[in-house]
Amino acid sequence: MNASSNNDEIINSDSTKALLLPLSLYVKQTVELYLSQLSGHDAVGLHAMVISEVEKPLLETALEHSGYNQTKAAKALGLSRSTLRKKLDQYGIS
């Protein structure tokens, strides 16, 4: 997904227009909030934490969207099926 996508609006369930913010803004705001709550402590392993927090729901959603067909989910994600299976094992997703 491109943060500068031309798709700036979505239609919600009430058929009214709602602003669609790029995922990168949500990640930035959340990381800034996390860092602000460290109370002076150093952040450790921030990259791995953020990647795992984003990657697991991404994999779960791709699987749901594909009807739990791993081949289709892998294609949607741009991964090989074997890489998808490794990541599913890594996150304990069956």
N, C-alpha and C. Protein backbone atom coordinates (compact mmCIF):
# COMPACT_ATOMS: atom_id res chain seq x y z
N MET A 1 0.84 -1.17 0.00
CA MET A 1 0.00 0.00 0.00
C MET A 1 0.88 1.23 0.00
N ASN A 2 0.58 2.16 -0.83
CA ASN A 2 1.35 3.38 -0.97
C ASN A 2 0.72 4.46 -0.11
N ALA A 3 1.51 5.08 0.75
CA ALA A 3 1.00 6.11 1.65
C ALA A 3 0.47 7.32 0.89
N SER A 4 0.94 7.52 -0.33
CA SER A 4 0.48 8.67 -1.10
C SER A 4 -0.58 8.24 -2.12
N SER A 5 -1.35 7.25 -1.78
CA SER A 5 -2.39 6.72 -2.65
C SER A 5 -3.40 7.80 -2.99
N ASN A 6 -3.95 7.70 -4.20
CA ASN A 6 -4.98 8.66 -4.61
C ASN A 6 -6.31 8.37 -3.96
N ASN A 7 -6.46 7.21 -3.33
CA ASN A 7 -7.70 6.83 -2.68
C ASN A 7 -7.77 7.48 -1.31
N ASP A 8 -8.29 8.71 -1.25
CA ASP A 8 -8.32 9.47 -0.01
C ASP A 8 -9.62 9.32 0.76
N GLU A 9 -10.63 8.72 0.16
CA GLU A 9 -11.90 8.61 0.84
C GLU A 9 -12.45 7.21 0.71
N ILE A 10 -13.18 6.78 1.71
CA ILE A 10 -13.89 5.51 1.66
C ILE A 10 -15.34 5.76 2.03
N ILE A 11 -16.18 4.82 1.72
CA ILE A 11 -17.58 4.92 2.13
C ILE A 11 -17.76 3.99 3.31
N ASN A 12 -18.26 4.52 4.43
CA ASN A 12 -18.48 3.68 5.60
C ASN A 12 -19.87 3.08 5.56
N SER A 13 -20.23 2.31 6.59
CA SER A 13 -21.51 1.59 6.59
C SER A 13 -22.72 2.52 6.58
N ASP A 14 -22.55 3.77 6.95
CA ASP A 14 -23.66 4.73 6.93
C ASP A 14 -23.76 5.46 5.60
N SER A 15 -22.97 5.01 4.61
CA SER A 15 -22.95 5.62 3.27
C SER A 15 -22.52 7.07 3.30
N THR A 16 -21.75 7.47 4.30
CA THR A 16 -21.19 8.80 4.34
C THR A 16 -19.69 8.68 4.09
N LYS A 17 -19.12 9.73 3.58
CA LYS A 17 -17.70 9.70 3.27
C LYS A 17 -16.88 9.86 4.53
N ALA A 18 -15.83 9.06 4.65
CA ALA A 18 -14.91 9.15 5.78
C ALA A 18 -13.50 9.24 5.23
N LEU A 19 -12.65 9.97 5.91
CA LEU A 19 -11.27 10.13 5.48
C LEU A 19 -10.49 8.86 5.75
N LEU A 20 -9.75 8.39 4.78
CA LEU A 20 -8.91 7.22 4.92
C LEU A 20 -7.47 7.69 5.06
N LEU A 21 -6.91 7.54 6.26
CA LEU A 21 -5.54 7.96 6.50
C LEU A 21 -4.59 6.83 6.11
N PRO A 22 -3.41 7.14 5.62
CA PRO A 22 -2.44 6.10 5.30
C PRO A 22 -2.02 5.35 6.56
N LEU A 23 -1.80 4.07 6.42
CA LEU A 23 -1.37 3.23 7.54
C LEU A 23 -0.11 3.79 8.19
N SER A 24 0.77 4.37 7.39
CA SER A 24 2.02 4.91 7.93
C SER A 24 1.77 5.98 8.98
N LEU A 25 0.70 6.76 8.84
CA LEU A 25 0.40 7.78 9.86
C LEU A 25 -0.04 7.14 11.17
N TYR A 26 -0.83 6.07 11.10
CA TYR A 26 -1.24 5.37 12.32
C TYR A 26 -0.02 4.77 13.01
N VAL A 27 0.89 4.19 12.23
CA VAL A 27 2.09 3.59 12.80
C VAL A 27 2.94 4.68 13.46
N LYS A 28 3.13 5.79 12.76
CA LYS A 28 3.94 6.90 13.30
C LYS A 28 3.35 7.41 14.61
N GLN A 29 2.05 7.65 14.63
CA GLN A 29 1.41 8.16 15.85
C GLN A 29 1.54 7.16 17.00
N THR A 30 1.37 5.89 16.69
CA THR A 30 1.43 4.87 17.73
C THR A 30 2.85 4.72 18.28
N VAL A 31 3.84 4.76 17.40
CA VAL A 31 5.24 4.68 17.85
C VAL A 31 5.59 5.90 18.69
N GLU A 32 5.15 7.08 18.25
CA GLU A 32 5.41 8.29 19.03
C GLU A 32 4.78 8.19 20.41
N LEU A 33 3.55 7.66 20.49
CA LEU A 33 2.88 7.48 21.78
C LEU A 33 3.65 6.49 22.65
N TYR A 34 4.07 5.38 22.06
CA TYR A 34 4.85 4.38 22.79
C TYR A 34 6.12 5.00 23.36
N LEU A 35 6.86 5.74 22.52
CA LEU A 35 8.11 6.35 22.97
C LEU A 35 7.87 7.39 24.06
N SER A 36 6.78 8.11 23.96
CA SER A 36 6.48 9.13 24.98
C SER A 36 6.14 8.51 26.33
N GLN A 37 5.74 7.25 26.34
CA GLN A 37 5.36 6.58 27.59
C GLN A 37 6.51 5.81 28.23
N LEU A 38 7.70 5.92 27.68
CA LEU A 38 8.85 5.18 28.23
C LEU A 38 9.43 5.84 29.48
N SER A 39 8.99 7.02 29.80
CA SER A 39 9.43 7.73 31.01
C SER A 39 10.96 7.80 31.12
N GLY A 40 11.62 8.16 30.03
CA GLY A 40 13.06 8.33 30.06
C GLY A 40 13.86 7.07 29.80
N HIS A 41 13.22 5.92 29.76
CA HIS A 41 13.93 4.67 29.47
C HIS A 41 14.23 4.58 27.98
N ASP A 42 15.30 3.87 27.65
CA ASP A 42 15.66 3.68 26.25
C ASP A 42 14.74 2.65 25.61
N ALA A 43 14.41 2.87 24.35
CA ALA A 43 13.65 1.89 23.57
C ALA A 43 14.62 0.80 23.13
N VAL A 44 14.20 -0.45 23.23
CA VAL A 44 15.02 -1.59 22.83
C VAL A 44 14.18 -2.50 21.96
N GLY A 45 14.72 -2.89 20.80
CA GLY A 45 14.01 -3.82 19.92
C GLY A 45 12.77 -3.22 19.28
N LEU A 46 12.79 -1.93 19.08
CA LEU A 46 11.62 -1.23 18.55
C LEU A 46 11.23 -1.73 17.16
N HIS A 47 12.20 -1.91 16.28
CA HIS A 47 11.91 -2.36 14.92
C HIS A 47 11.21 -3.71 14.93
N ALA A 48 11.76 -4.68 15.62
CA ALA A 48 11.17 -6.02 15.68
C ALA A 48 9.77 -5.97 16.29
N MET A 49 9.58 -5.14 17.31
CA MET A 49 8.27 -5.03 17.95
C MET A 49 7.23 -4.49 16.97
N VAL A 50 7.57 -3.41 16.27
CA VAL A 50 6.63 -2.80 15.33
C VAL A 50 6.32 -3.75 14.18
N ILE A 51 7.34 -4.40 13.64
CA ILE A 51 7.12 -5.33 12.53
C ILE A 51 6.19 -6.45 12.96
N SER A 52 6.42 -7.02 14.12
CA SER A 52 5.57 -8.13 14.56
C SER A 52 4.14 -7.66 14.86
N GLU A 53 4.00 -6.46 15.39
CA GLU A 53 2.67 -5.93 15.68
C GLU A 53 1.87 -5.67 14.41
N VAL A 54 2.54 -5.36 13.33
CA VAL A 54 1.87 -5.09 12.05
C VAL A 54 1.74 -6.37 11.23
N GLU A 55 2.78 -7.20 11.24
CA GLU A 55 2.80 -8.36 10.37
C GLU A 55 1.78 -9.43 10.76
N LYS A 56 1.62 -9.70 12.03
CA LYS A 56 0.69 -10.75 12.45
C LYS A 56 -0.75 -10.46 12.00
N PRO A 57 -1.30 -9.27 12.30
CA PRO A 57 -2.67 -9.02 11.82
C PRO A 57 -2.75 -8.94 10.30
N LEU A 58 -1.67 -8.54 9.64
CA LEU A 58 -1.65 -8.53 8.18
C LEU A 58 -1.81 -9.95 7.64
N LEU A 59 -1.06 -10.88 8.20
CA LEU A 59 -1.16 -12.28 7.78
C LEU A 59 -2.55 -12.84 8.07
N GLU A 60 -3.06 -12.56 9.26
CA GLU A 60 -4.38 -13.05 9.64
C GLU A 60 -5.46 -12.52 8.70
N THR A 61 -5.39 -11.25 8.38
CA THR A 61 -6.38 -10.63 7.51
C THR A 61 -6.29 -11.17 6.09
N ALA A 62 -5.07 -11.35 5.59
CA ALA A 62 -4.89 -11.91 4.25
C ALA A 62 -5.46 -13.32 4.18
N LEU A 63 -5.24 -14.11 5.23
CA LEU A 63 -5.79 -15.46 5.27
C LEU A 63 -7.32 -15.43 5.28
N GLU A 64 -7.89 -14.59 6.11
CA GLU A 64 -9.35 -14.48 6.18
C GLU A 64 -9.91 -14.06 4.83
N HIS A 65 -9.28 -13.07 4.21
CA HIS A 65 -9.74 -12.54 2.92
C HIS A 65 -9.68 -13.61 1.82
N SER A 66 -8.72 -14.50 1.92
CA SER A 66 -8.55 -15.54 0.90
C SER A 66 -9.33 -16.81 1.22
N GLY A 67 -10.16 -16.77 2.25
CA GLY A 67 -10.90 -17.96 2.65
C GLY A 67 -9.98 -19.02 3.23
N TYR A 68 -8.90 -18.57 3.86
CA TYR A 68 -7.89 -19.44 4.48
C TYR A 68 -7.16 -20.32 3.46
N ASN A 69 -7.12 -19.86 2.22
CA ASN A 69 -6.35 -20.52 1.18
C ASN A 69 -4.95 -19.90 1.19
N GLN A 70 -3.97 -20.68 1.63
CA GLN A 70 -2.61 -20.14 1.79
C GLN A 70 -1.99 -19.71 0.47
N THR A 71 -2.29 -20.41 -0.59
CA THR A 71 -1.74 -20.04 -1.90
C THR A 71 -2.25 -18.66 -2.32
N LYS A 72 -3.56 -18.44 -2.15
CA LYS A 72 -4.14 -17.14 -2.50
C LYS A 72 -3.64 -16.04 -1.56
N ALA A 73 -3.54 -16.35 -0.28
CA ALA A 73 -3.05 -15.36 0.69
C ALA A 73 -1.61 -14.98 0.38
N ALA A 74 -0.78 -15.96 0.06
CA ALA A 74 0.62 -15.69 -0.27
C ALA A 74 0.72 -14.80 -1.50
N LYS A 75 -0.10 -15.09 -2.49
CA LYS A 75 -0.09 -14.28 -3.72
C LYS A 75 -0.50 -12.84 -3.42
N ALA A 76 -1.55 -12.69 -2.60
CA ALA A 76 -2.01 -11.34 -2.24
C ALA A 76 -0.93 -10.56 -1.49
N LEU A 77 -0.16 -11.27 -0.67
CA LEU A 77 0.89 -10.64 0.13
C LEU A 77 2.19 -10.44 -0.65
N GLY A 78 2.30 -11.10 -1.81
CA GLY A 78 3.55 -11.01 -2.57
C GLY A 78 4.64 -11.88 -1.98
N LEU A 79 4.24 -12.97 -1.33
CA LEU A 79 5.18 -13.91 -0.71
C LEU A 79 5.06 -15.26 -1.39
N SER A 80 6.09 -16.07 -1.25
CA SER A 80 5.96 -17.46 -1.67
C SER A 80 5.13 -18.18 -0.62
N ARG A 81 4.53 -19.28 -0.98
CA ARG A 81 3.72 -20.03 -0.03
C ARG A 81 4.58 -20.54 1.12
N SER A 82 5.81 -20.95 0.81
CA SER A 82 6.68 -21.45 1.88
C SER A 82 7.06 -20.35 2.86
N THR A 83 7.29 -19.14 2.36
CA THR A 83 7.59 -18.01 3.25
C THR A 83 6.37 -17.69 4.11
N LEU A 84 5.19 -17.73 3.51
CA LEU A 84 3.97 -17.49 4.29
C LEU A 84 3.85 -18.53 5.39
N ARG A 85 4.08 -19.80 5.07
CA ARG A 85 3.97 -20.87 6.07
C ARG A 85 4.97 -20.65 7.22
N LYS A 86 6.19 -20.22 6.90
CA LYS A 86 7.18 -19.95 7.93
C LYS A 86 6.71 -18.82 8.86
N LYS A 87 6.13 -17.79 8.26
CA LYS A 87 5.66 -16.66 9.05
C LYS A 87 4.45 -17.06 9.91
N LEU A 88 3.58 -17.90 9.36
CA LEU A 88 2.44 -18.37 10.14
C LEU A 88 2.91 -19.17 11.34
N ASP A 89 3.91 -20.02 11.13
CA ASP A 89 4.50 -20.78 12.24
C ASP A 89 5.14 -19.85 13.27
N GLN A 90 5.85 -18.83 12.78
CA GLN A 90 6.53 -17.87 13.64
C GLN A 90 5.55 -17.18 14.59
N TYR A 91 4.35 -16.87 14.08
CA TYR A 91 3.36 -16.15 14.89
C TYR A 91 2.32 -17.07 15.53
N GLY A 92 2.47 -18.37 15.33
CA GLY A 92 1.54 -19.33 15.92
C GLY A 92 0.16 -19.26 15.32
N ILE A 93 0.10 -18.95 14.03
CA ILE A 93 -1.17 -18.89 13.31
C ILE A 93 -1.34 -20.19 12.56
N SER A 94 -2.50 -20.84 12.77
CA SER A 94 -2.70 -22.11 12.06
C SER A 94 -3.80 -21.99 11.03
